C-alpha cells in the first residue's frame, strides 16, 4: 500500500524533461557478472518475458559480452536468449555504453545510478522511453525498491510505467 501511495505522489511531480546524467566512474570489472531485471519500461523486444537476467563478461578483444536471458510468459516458459556485445566508446563518460545485438547497430546503455557496492543499477538511454532497474539478487525488499523508485522519480521518469518483472 505504501508503494501505491508513493507512486501516486511521484507521478504528480513529473516534469517533461528527464535527467539522463550518468555515473562519473564505472569500474567495469566490478560491473561484470549476473544482474536480475527487477523492473523495466515496456518495449517490444522484452514483451512477455519474465525471469529476465543480464550477464556481462569481458571478451578477449576488449569488448563486453552481453547475454540477456528470460522466459516467455512464465518462469516455466520457453527460454529466450540474446547474445550481444557492449563497449565504452568514450572513457571520459564511462557510464555511457553502447550495446549491440545485431551486427554493427548499437544502442545506448546509460548507467544512470549505481550502488556503491554494485548491488543495484538504474539503466536508461539517450531516450526516455527505456528504463531498467537491475539488481545482483532476484528480489529486493520493499524499502529498497521504494528508494529506487524515488531516485528514478527525482530524475523525472514516470515510475507508473515501470513493469515489475517476475523472478
N, C-alpha and C. Protein backbone atom coordinates (compact mmCIF):
# COMPACT_ATOMS: atom_id res chain seq x y z
N UNK A 1 0.82 -1.19 0.00
CA UNK A 1 0.00 0.00 0.00
C UNK A 1 0.87 1.25 0.00
N UNK A 2 1.98 1.23 0.75
CA UNK A 2 2.88 2.38 0.79
C UNK A 2 3.46 2.66 -0.59
N UNK A 3 3.75 1.58 -1.34
CA UNK A 3 4.30 1.75 -2.68
C UNK A 3 3.29 2.43 -3.59
N UNK A 4 2.02 2.04 -3.51
CA UNK A 4 0.97 2.66 -4.33
C UNK A 4 0.87 4.15 -4.01
N UNK A 5 0.86 4.50 -2.73
CA UNK A 5 0.81 5.90 -2.33
C UNK A 5 2.01 6.66 -2.86
N UNK A 6 3.20 6.03 -2.75
CA UNK A 6 4.41 6.67 -3.24
C UNK A 6 4.32 6.92 -4.75
N UNK A 7 3.84 5.90 -5.49
CA UNK A 7 3.73 6.04 -6.94
C UNK A 7 2.79 7.17 -7.32
N UNK A 8 1.68 7.28 -6.62
CA UNK A 8 0.72 8.34 -6.90
C UNK A 8 1.36 9.70 -6.68
N UNK A 9 2.06 9.87 -5.57
CA UNK A 9 2.71 11.15 -5.29
C UNK A 9 3.83 11.42 -6.28
N UNK A 10 4.60 10.41 -6.61
CA UNK A 10 5.73 10.59 -7.51
C UNK A 10 5.29 11.01 -8.90
N UNK A 11 4.18 10.47 -9.36
CA UNK A 11 3.71 10.81 -10.71
C UNK A 11 3.24 12.25 -10.79
N UNK A 12 2.74 12.80 -9.71
CA UNK A 12 2.27 14.18 -9.72
C UNK A 12 3.41 15.17 -9.93
N UNK A 13 4.63 14.79 -9.53
CA UNK A 13 5.76 15.69 -9.64
C UNK A 13 6.54 15.54 -10.93
N UNK A 14 6.02 14.83 -11.89
CA UNK A 14 6.75 14.58 -13.13
C UNK A 14 6.92 15.86 -13.93
N UNK A 15 8.09 16.00 -14.54
CA UNK A 15 8.32 17.09 -15.47
C UNK A 15 8.43 16.50 -16.86
N UNK A 16 8.47 17.35 -17.86
CA UNK A 16 8.56 16.87 -19.24
C UNK A 16 9.98 16.43 -19.59
N UNK A 17 10.96 16.87 -18.81
CA UNK A 17 12.34 16.52 -19.06
C UNK A 17 12.81 15.50 -18.05
N UNK A 18 13.63 14.57 -18.51
CA UNK A 18 14.22 13.61 -17.58
C UNK A 18 15.72 13.85 -17.52
N UNK A 19 16.27 13.58 -16.37
CA UNK A 19 17.70 13.74 -16.13
C UNK A 19 18.39 12.44 -16.55
N UNK A 20 19.17 12.51 -17.63
CA UNK A 20 19.85 11.33 -18.16
C UNK A 20 21.34 11.35 -17.86
N UNK A 21 21.74 12.12 -16.85
CA UNK A 21 23.16 12.13 -16.50
C UNK A 21 23.56 10.74 -15.99
N UNK A 22 24.78 10.37 -16.30
CA UNK A 22 25.26 9.03 -15.96
C UNK A 22 26.28 9.10 -14.83
N UNK A 23 26.60 7.93 -14.28
CA UNK A 23 27.62 7.87 -13.24
C UNK A 23 28.94 8.36 -13.82
N UNK A 24 29.72 9.00 -12.98
CA UNK A 24 31.02 9.53 -13.44
C UNK A 24 32.07 8.44 -13.55
N UNK A 25 32.02 7.48 -12.62
CA UNK A 25 33.01 6.40 -12.60
C UNK A 25 32.27 5.06 -12.67
N UNK A 26 32.72 4.22 -13.59
CA UNK A 26 32.18 2.88 -13.71
C UNK A 26 33.35 1.90 -13.73
N UNK A 27 33.47 1.12 -12.67
CA UNK A 27 34.50 0.09 -12.61
C UNK A 27 33.94 -1.12 -13.36
N UNK A 28 34.32 -1.23 -14.60
CA UNK A 28 33.71 -2.23 -15.47
C UNK A 28 33.96 -3.65 -14.96
N UNK A 29 35.08 -3.89 -14.32
CA UNK A 29 35.35 -5.23 -13.76
C UNK A 29 34.35 -5.56 -12.65
N UNK A 30 34.01 -4.59 -11.82
CA UNK A 30 33.03 -4.82 -10.76
C UNK A 30 31.62 -4.98 -11.32
N UNK A 31 31.38 -4.38 -12.49
CA UNK A 31 30.06 -4.45 -13.12
C UNK A 31 29.80 -5.82 -13.76
N UNK A 32 30.87 -6.52 -14.08
CA UNK A 32 30.74 -7.84 -14.72
C UNK A 32 29.96 -8.79 -13.81
N UNK A 33 29.36 -9.79 -14.43
CA UNK A 33 28.61 -10.79 -13.69
C UNK A 33 27.13 -10.72 -14.02
N UNK A 34 26.34 -11.38 -13.18
CA UNK A 34 24.91 -11.52 -13.43
C UNK A 34 24.11 -10.44 -12.70
N UNK A 35 23.14 -9.87 -13.43
CA UNK A 35 22.20 -8.90 -12.90
C UNK A 35 20.79 -9.39 -13.20
N UNK A 36 19.88 -9.20 -12.26
CA UNK A 36 18.48 -9.56 -12.44
C UNK A 36 17.68 -8.31 -12.74
N UNK A 37 16.75 -8.44 -13.65
CA UNK A 37 15.89 -7.31 -14.01
C UNK A 37 14.71 -7.27 -13.04
N UNK A 38 14.69 -6.24 -12.19
CA UNK A 38 13.59 -6.09 -11.23
C UNK A 38 12.39 -5.42 -11.86
N UNK A 39 12.64 -4.43 -12.73
CA UNK A 39 11.55 -3.69 -13.37
C UNK A 39 12.07 -3.08 -14.66
N UNK A 40 11.14 -2.76 -15.57
CA UNK A 40 11.51 -2.16 -16.85
C UNK A 40 10.33 -1.41 -17.41
N UNK A 41 10.62 -0.50 -18.33
CA UNK A 41 9.58 0.07 -19.18
C UNK A 41 9.25 -0.99 -20.23
N UNK A 42 8.01 -1.03 -20.65
CA UNK A 42 7.59 -1.99 -21.67
C UNK A 42 8.19 -1.63 -23.02
N UNK A 43 8.67 -2.62 -23.73
CA UNK A 43 9.13 -2.45 -25.10
C UNK A 43 9.02 -3.80 -25.82
N UNK A 44 8.96 -3.75 -27.12
CA UNK A 44 8.64 -4.94 -27.90
C UNK A 44 9.66 -6.07 -27.74
N UNK A 45 10.95 -5.76 -27.59
CA UNK A 45 11.94 -6.83 -27.59
C UNK A 45 12.01 -7.61 -26.28
N UNK A 46 11.28 -7.18 -25.24
CA UNK A 46 11.23 -7.96 -24.00
C UNK A 46 9.80 -8.27 -23.58
N UNK A 47 8.85 -7.90 -24.40
CA UNK A 47 7.44 -8.06 -24.02
C UNK A 47 7.14 -9.52 -23.70
N UNK A 48 6.51 -9.73 -22.54
CA UNK A 48 6.11 -11.06 -22.11
C UNK A 48 7.21 -11.87 -21.43
N UNK A 49 8.41 -11.31 -21.32
CA UNK A 49 9.50 -12.07 -20.70
C UNK A 49 9.50 -11.87 -19.18
N UNK A 50 9.72 -12.96 -18.47
CA UNK A 50 9.86 -12.96 -17.01
C UNK A 50 11.16 -13.68 -16.67
N UNK A 51 11.57 -13.60 -15.40
CA UNK A 51 12.82 -14.26 -15.01
C UNK A 51 14.00 -13.74 -15.80
N UNK A 52 13.98 -12.45 -16.12
CA UNK A 52 14.98 -11.86 -17.00
C UNK A 52 16.27 -11.55 -16.24
N UNK A 53 17.39 -11.88 -16.87
CA UNK A 53 18.70 -11.55 -16.31
C UNK A 53 19.61 -11.09 -17.44
N UNK A 54 20.67 -10.40 -17.05
CA UNK A 54 21.72 -9.98 -17.99
C UNK A 54 23.04 -10.36 -17.35
N UNK A 55 23.88 -11.02 -18.13
CA UNK A 55 25.19 -11.44 -17.64
C UNK A 55 26.25 -10.81 -18.52
N UNK A 56 27.20 -10.14 -17.86
CA UNK A 56 28.26 -9.42 -18.56
C UNK A 56 29.61 -10.06 -18.25
N UNK A 57 30.44 -10.20 -19.29
CA UNK A 57 31.80 -10.73 -19.11
C UNK A 57 32.70 -10.08 -20.16
N UNK A 58 34.00 -10.02 -19.84
CA UNK A 58 34.95 -9.42 -20.78
C UNK A 58 35.30 -10.42 -21.88
N UNK A 59 35.37 -9.89 -23.08
CA UNK A 59 35.81 -10.70 -24.22
C UNK A 59 37.31 -10.49 -24.43
N UNK A 60 37.92 -11.36 -25.18
CA UNK A 60 39.35 -11.25 -25.47
C UNK A 60 39.70 -10.00 -26.25
N UNK A 61 38.75 -9.48 -27.04
CA UNK A 61 39.03 -8.30 -27.87
C UNK A 61 38.78 -6.98 -27.13
N UNK A 62 38.50 -7.05 -25.82
CA UNK A 62 38.29 -5.82 -25.05
C UNK A 62 36.85 -5.37 -24.98
N UNK A 63 35.98 -5.97 -25.78
CA UNK A 63 34.56 -5.66 -25.70
C UNK A 63 33.93 -6.47 -24.57
N UNK A 64 32.69 -6.15 -24.27
CA UNK A 64 31.96 -6.82 -23.20
C UNK A 64 30.94 -7.76 -23.84
N UNK A 65 30.94 -9.01 -23.41
CA UNK A 65 29.92 -9.97 -23.86
C UNK A 65 28.68 -9.74 -23.02
N UNK A 66 27.52 -9.66 -23.68
CA UNK A 66 26.24 -9.45 -23.01
C UNK A 66 25.34 -10.63 -23.35
N UNK A 67 24.84 -11.30 -22.31
CA UNK A 67 23.89 -12.40 -22.51
C UNK A 67 22.62 -12.04 -21.75
N UNK A 68 21.57 -11.72 -22.49
CA UNK A 68 20.27 -11.46 -21.88
C UNK A 68 19.43 -12.72 -22.00
N UNK A 69 18.82 -13.12 -20.89
CA UNK A 69 18.02 -14.35 -20.89
C UNK A 69 16.72 -14.10 -20.13
N UNK A 70 15.68 -14.78 -20.55
CA UNK A 70 14.39 -14.70 -19.88
C UNK A 70 13.51 -15.83 -20.36
N UNK A 71 12.31 -15.87 -19.82
CA UNK A 71 11.37 -16.93 -20.16
C UNK A 71 10.08 -16.31 -20.66
N UNK A 72 9.51 -16.90 -21.69
CA UNK A 72 8.30 -16.37 -22.30
C UNK A 72 7.07 -16.68 -21.45
N UNK A 73 6.44 -15.63 -20.97
CA UNK A 73 5.15 -15.65 -20.28
C UNK A 73 5.11 -16.28 -18.89
N UNK A 74 6.03 -17.18 -18.55
CA UNK A 74 6.05 -17.75 -17.21
C UNK A 74 7.46 -18.27 -16.94
N UNK A 75 7.76 -18.47 -15.67
CA UNK A 75 9.09 -18.96 -15.31
C UNK A 75 9.34 -20.37 -15.83
N UNK A 76 8.27 -21.06 -16.25
CA UNK A 76 8.40 -22.40 -16.86
C UNK A 76 8.31 -22.32 -18.38
N UNK A 77 8.24 -21.10 -18.92
CA UNK A 77 8.08 -20.93 -20.36
C UNK A 77 9.37 -21.19 -21.13
N UNK A 78 9.24 -21.05 -22.44
CA UNK A 78 10.39 -21.25 -23.32
C UNK A 78 11.44 -20.18 -23.04
N UNK A 79 12.71 -20.60 -22.94
CA UNK A 79 13.78 -19.66 -22.67
C UNK A 79 14.13 -18.86 -23.92
N UNK A 80 14.34 -17.59 -23.72
CA UNK A 80 14.75 -16.69 -24.80
C UNK A 80 16.11 -16.11 -24.43
N UNK A 81 17.08 -16.26 -25.31
CA UNK A 81 18.44 -15.78 -25.04
C UNK A 81 18.89 -14.90 -26.20
N UNK A 82 19.46 -13.75 -25.85
CA UNK A 82 20.06 -12.86 -26.84
C UNK A 82 21.49 -12.58 -26.42
N UNK A 83 22.43 -12.80 -27.35
CA UNK A 83 23.84 -12.57 -27.07
C UNK A 83 24.29 -11.35 -27.88
N UNK A 84 24.93 -10.43 -27.19
CA UNK A 84 25.40 -9.23 -27.85
C UNK A 84 26.76 -8.81 -27.32
N UNK A 85 27.09 -7.58 -27.65
CA UNK A 85 28.37 -7.03 -27.20
C UNK A 85 28.16 -5.58 -26.79
N UNK A 86 29.06 -5.10 -25.95
CA UNK A 86 28.97 -3.71 -25.49
C UNK A 86 30.37 -3.12 -25.46
N UNK A 87 30.40 -1.79 -25.48
CA UNK A 87 31.68 -1.09 -25.41
C UNK A 87 31.46 0.26 -24.74
N UNK A 88 32.54 0.81 -24.22
CA UNK A 88 32.52 2.17 -23.69
C UNK A 88 33.26 3.02 -24.72
N UNK A 89 32.54 3.78 -25.56
CA UNK A 89 33.20 4.49 -26.65
C UNK A 89 34.06 5.67 -26.19
N UNK A 90 33.75 6.27 -25.04
CA UNK A 90 34.49 7.44 -24.57
C UNK A 90 34.78 7.27 -23.08
N UNK A 91 36.04 7.05 -22.74
CA UNK A 91 36.40 6.80 -21.34
C UNK A 91 36.15 8.02 -20.45
N UNK A 92 35.94 9.19 -21.04
CA UNK A 92 35.59 10.38 -20.25
C UNK A 92 34.14 10.30 -19.76
N UNK A 93 33.34 9.46 -20.40
CA UNK A 93 31.94 9.23 -20.00
C UNK A 93 31.74 7.73 -19.83
N UNK A 94 32.32 7.19 -18.76
CA UNK A 94 32.33 5.75 -18.54
C UNK A 94 30.95 5.15 -18.39
N UNK A 95 29.98 5.93 -17.93
CA UNK A 95 28.63 5.44 -17.72
C UNK A 95 27.79 5.36 -18.99
N UNK A 96 28.35 5.80 -20.12
CA UNK A 96 27.62 5.74 -21.40
C UNK A 96 28.22 4.63 -22.25
N UNK A 97 27.53 3.51 -22.27
CA UNK A 97 27.97 2.38 -23.07
C UNK A 97 27.12 2.30 -24.34
N UNK A 98 27.60 1.52 -25.26
CA UNK A 98 26.86 1.18 -26.48
C UNK A 98 26.73 -0.33 -26.51
N UNK A 99 25.53 -0.82 -26.80
CA UNK A 99 25.26 -2.25 -26.82
C UNK A 99 24.72 -2.64 -28.18
N UNK A 100 25.17 -3.77 -28.68
CA UNK A 100 24.70 -4.26 -29.98
C UNK A 100 24.29 -5.72 -29.88
N UNK A 101 23.10 -6.00 -30.39
CA UNK A 101 22.64 -7.38 -30.50
C UNK A 101 22.47 -7.76 -31.98
N UNK A 102 22.75 -6.80 -32.85
CA UNK A 102 22.55 -7.05 -34.28
C UNK A 102 23.64 -6.37 -35.07
N UNK A 103 24.59 -7.13 -35.53
CA UNK A 103 25.64 -6.73 -36.45
C UNK A 103 26.37 -5.49 -35.94
N UNK A 104 26.31 -4.37 -36.66
CA UNK A 104 27.06 -3.16 -36.29
C UNK A 104 26.15 -2.08 -35.71
N UNK A 105 24.90 -2.41 -35.44
CA UNK A 105 23.95 -1.41 -34.95
C UNK A 105 23.99 -1.38 -33.42
N UNK A 106 24.36 -0.24 -32.88
CA UNK A 106 24.50 -0.09 -31.43
C UNK A 106 23.41 0.81 -30.87
N UNK A 107 22.99 0.51 -29.65
CA UNK A 107 22.01 1.32 -28.91
C UNK A 107 22.68 1.83 -27.64
N UNK A 108 22.16 2.92 -27.12
CA UNK A 108 22.68 3.49 -25.89
C UNK A 108 22.33 2.64 -24.69
N UNK A 109 23.25 2.56 -23.76
CA UNK A 109 23.08 1.87 -22.48
C UNK A 109 23.71 2.79 -21.45
N UNK A 110 22.87 3.57 -20.77
CA UNK A 110 23.36 4.57 -19.82
C UNK A 110 23.21 4.06 -18.39
N UNK A 111 24.31 4.01 -17.66
CA UNK A 111 24.26 3.67 -16.24
C UNK A 111 23.95 4.98 -15.51
N UNK A 112 22.67 5.18 -15.19
CA UNK A 112 22.21 6.43 -14.59
C UNK A 112 22.58 6.53 -13.12
N UNK A 113 22.48 5.42 -12.42
CA UNK A 113 22.79 5.39 -10.99
C UNK A 113 23.25 3.98 -10.65
N UNK A 114 24.11 3.90 -9.64
CA UNK A 114 24.73 2.62 -9.30
C UNK A 114 25.06 2.62 -7.83
N UNK A 115 24.69 1.55 -7.17
CA UNK A 115 25.02 1.37 -5.76
C UNK A 115 26.54 1.34 -5.59
N UNK A 116 27.04 1.93 -4.49
CA UNK A 116 28.48 1.94 -4.22
C UNK A 116 29.07 0.54 -4.20
N UNK A 117 28.28 -0.44 -3.80
CA UNK A 117 28.74 -1.82 -3.73
C UNK A 117 28.35 -2.64 -4.97
N UNK A 118 27.84 -1.96 -6.00
CA UNK A 118 27.45 -2.60 -7.25
C UNK A 118 26.40 -3.69 -7.01
N UNK A 119 25.41 -3.36 -6.15
CA UNK A 119 24.33 -4.31 -5.86
C UNK A 119 23.06 -3.99 -6.63
N UNK A 120 22.89 -2.75 -7.10
CA UNK A 120 21.77 -2.38 -7.94
C UNK A 120 22.23 -1.31 -8.93
N UNK A 121 21.51 -1.22 -10.04
CA UNK A 121 21.82 -0.22 -11.06
C UNK A 121 20.52 0.25 -11.69
N UNK A 122 20.49 1.52 -12.06
CA UNK A 122 19.38 2.09 -12.82
C UNK A 122 19.94 2.40 -14.21
N UNK A 123 19.32 1.80 -15.22
CA UNK A 123 19.81 1.89 -16.59
C UNK A 123 18.79 2.62 -17.45
N UNK A 124 19.28 3.52 -18.28
CA UNK A 124 18.44 4.23 -19.23
C UNK A 124 19.13 4.31 -20.57
N UNK A 125 18.76 5.32 -21.34
CA UNK A 125 19.39 5.54 -22.64
C UNK A 125 19.27 7.02 -22.98
N UNK A 126 19.65 7.38 -24.19
CA UNK A 126 19.52 8.78 -24.60
C UNK A 126 18.05 9.14 -24.80
N UNK A 127 17.19 8.14 -24.88
CA UNK A 127 15.75 8.33 -24.98
C UNK A 127 15.11 8.04 -23.63
N UNK A 128 14.07 8.77 -23.28
CA UNK A 128 13.38 8.50 -22.02
C UNK A 128 12.38 7.35 -22.14
N UNK A 129 12.40 6.63 -23.26
CA UNK A 129 11.48 5.52 -23.48
C UNK A 129 12.02 4.20 -22.92
N UNK A 130 13.25 4.19 -22.48
CA UNK A 130 13.88 2.97 -21.97
C UNK A 130 14.36 3.18 -20.55
N UNK A 131 14.04 2.21 -19.68
CA UNK A 131 14.45 2.30 -18.29
C UNK A 131 14.41 0.90 -17.68
N UNK A 132 15.43 0.58 -16.90
CA UNK A 132 15.51 -0.71 -16.22
C UNK A 132 16.02 -0.50 -14.81
N UNK A 133 15.57 -1.36 -13.89
CA UNK A 133 16.16 -1.47 -12.56
C UNK A 133 16.76 -2.87 -12.49
N UNK A 134 18.07 -2.92 -12.24
CA UNK A 134 18.79 -4.18 -12.15
C UNK A 134 19.30 -4.39 -10.74
N UNK A 135 19.43 -5.65 -10.35
CA UNK A 135 19.92 -6.00 -9.02
C UNK A 135 20.76 -7.26 -9.11
N UNK A 136 21.70 -7.39 -8.21
CA UNK A 136 22.51 -8.61 -8.14
C UNK A 136 21.70 -9.78 -7.61
N UNK A 137 20.59 -9.49 -6.96
CA UNK A 137 19.72 -10.53 -6.43
C UNK A 137 18.37 -10.43 -7.14
N UNK A 138 17.63 -11.54 -7.23
CA UNK A 138 16.36 -11.50 -7.95
C UNK A 138 15.27 -10.72 -7.22
N UNK A 139 15.50 -10.39 -5.95
CA UNK A 139 14.49 -9.67 -5.17
C UNK A 139 15.18 -8.64 -4.29
N UNK A 140 14.49 -7.52 -4.05
CA UNK A 140 14.91 -6.56 -3.03
C UNK A 140 13.70 -6.31 -2.15
N UNK A 141 13.94 -5.87 -0.92
CA UNK A 141 12.80 -5.61 -0.03
C UNK A 141 12.07 -4.34 -0.47
N UNK A 142 10.87 -4.16 0.07
CA UNK A 142 10.02 -3.03 -0.32
C UNK A 142 10.69 -1.69 -0.06
N UNK A 143 11.42 -1.58 1.03
CA UNK A 143 12.08 -0.32 1.37
C UNK A 143 13.13 0.04 0.31
N UNK A 144 13.92 -0.94 -0.09
CA UNK A 144 14.95 -0.70 -1.12
C UNK A 144 14.30 -0.36 -2.46
N UNK A 145 13.26 -1.08 -2.83
CA UNK A 145 12.57 -0.81 -4.10
C UNK A 145 11.96 0.59 -4.10
N UNK A 146 11.37 1.00 -3.00
CA UNK A 146 10.80 2.34 -2.90
C UNK A 146 11.89 3.40 -3.03
N UNK A 147 13.07 3.14 -2.45
CA UNK A 147 14.20 4.05 -2.57
C UNK A 147 14.61 4.21 -4.05
N UNK A 148 14.64 3.08 -4.76
CA UNK A 148 15.00 3.13 -6.18
C UNK A 148 13.95 3.89 -6.99
N UNK A 149 12.68 3.68 -6.69
CA UNK A 149 11.62 4.42 -7.37
C UNK A 149 11.75 5.91 -7.12
N UNK A 150 12.12 6.28 -5.91
CA UNK A 150 12.30 7.70 -5.57
C UNK A 150 13.43 8.30 -6.40
N UNK A 151 14.54 7.59 -6.52
CA UNK A 151 15.67 8.08 -7.33
C UNK A 151 15.24 8.30 -8.78
N UNK A 152 14.47 7.35 -9.30
CA UNK A 152 14.00 7.44 -10.69
C UNK A 152 13.03 8.61 -10.85
N UNK A 153 12.11 8.75 -9.93
CA UNK A 153 11.13 9.83 -9.98
C UNK A 153 11.81 11.19 -9.91
N UNK A 154 12.82 11.32 -9.06
CA UNK A 154 13.55 12.58 -8.93
C UNK A 154 14.22 12.97 -10.24
N UNK A 155 14.51 12.02 -11.09
CA UNK A 155 15.10 12.30 -12.39
C UNK A 155 14.04 12.70 -13.43
N UNK A 156 12.78 12.58 -13.05
CA UNK A 156 11.71 12.97 -13.96
C UNK A 156 11.09 11.83 -14.74
N UNK A 157 11.50 10.60 -14.48
CA UNK A 157 10.90 9.45 -15.15
C UNK A 157 9.54 9.13 -14.53
N UNK A 158 8.65 8.60 -15.33
CA UNK A 158 7.31 8.22 -14.89
C UNK A 158 7.38 6.80 -14.32
N UNK A 159 7.42 6.69 -12.99
CA UNK A 159 7.56 5.37 -12.37
C UNK A 159 6.31 4.52 -12.53
N UNK A 160 5.18 5.12 -12.86
CA UNK A 160 3.96 4.33 -13.05
C UNK A 160 4.05 3.46 -14.31
N UNK A 161 5.00 3.76 -15.20
CA UNK A 161 5.17 2.97 -16.42
C UNK A 161 6.06 1.77 -16.21
N UNK A 162 6.68 1.65 -15.05
CA UNK A 162 7.55 0.51 -14.79
C UNK A 162 6.74 -0.77 -14.60
N UNK A 163 7.20 -1.83 -15.19
CA UNK A 163 6.62 -3.16 -15.05
C UNK A 163 7.53 -3.96 -14.14
N UNK A 164 7.02 -4.43 -13.02
CA UNK A 164 7.82 -5.31 -12.16
C UNK A 164 7.98 -6.65 -12.85
N UNK A 165 9.19 -7.15 -12.89
CA UNK A 165 9.49 -8.40 -13.58
C UNK A 165 9.44 -9.55 -12.59
N UNK A 166 8.60 -10.54 -12.91
CA UNK A 166 8.53 -11.74 -12.08
C UNK A 166 9.86 -12.47 -12.15
N UNK A 167 10.38 -12.85 -10.98
CA UNK A 167 11.66 -13.57 -10.93
C UNK A 167 11.47 -14.94 -10.29
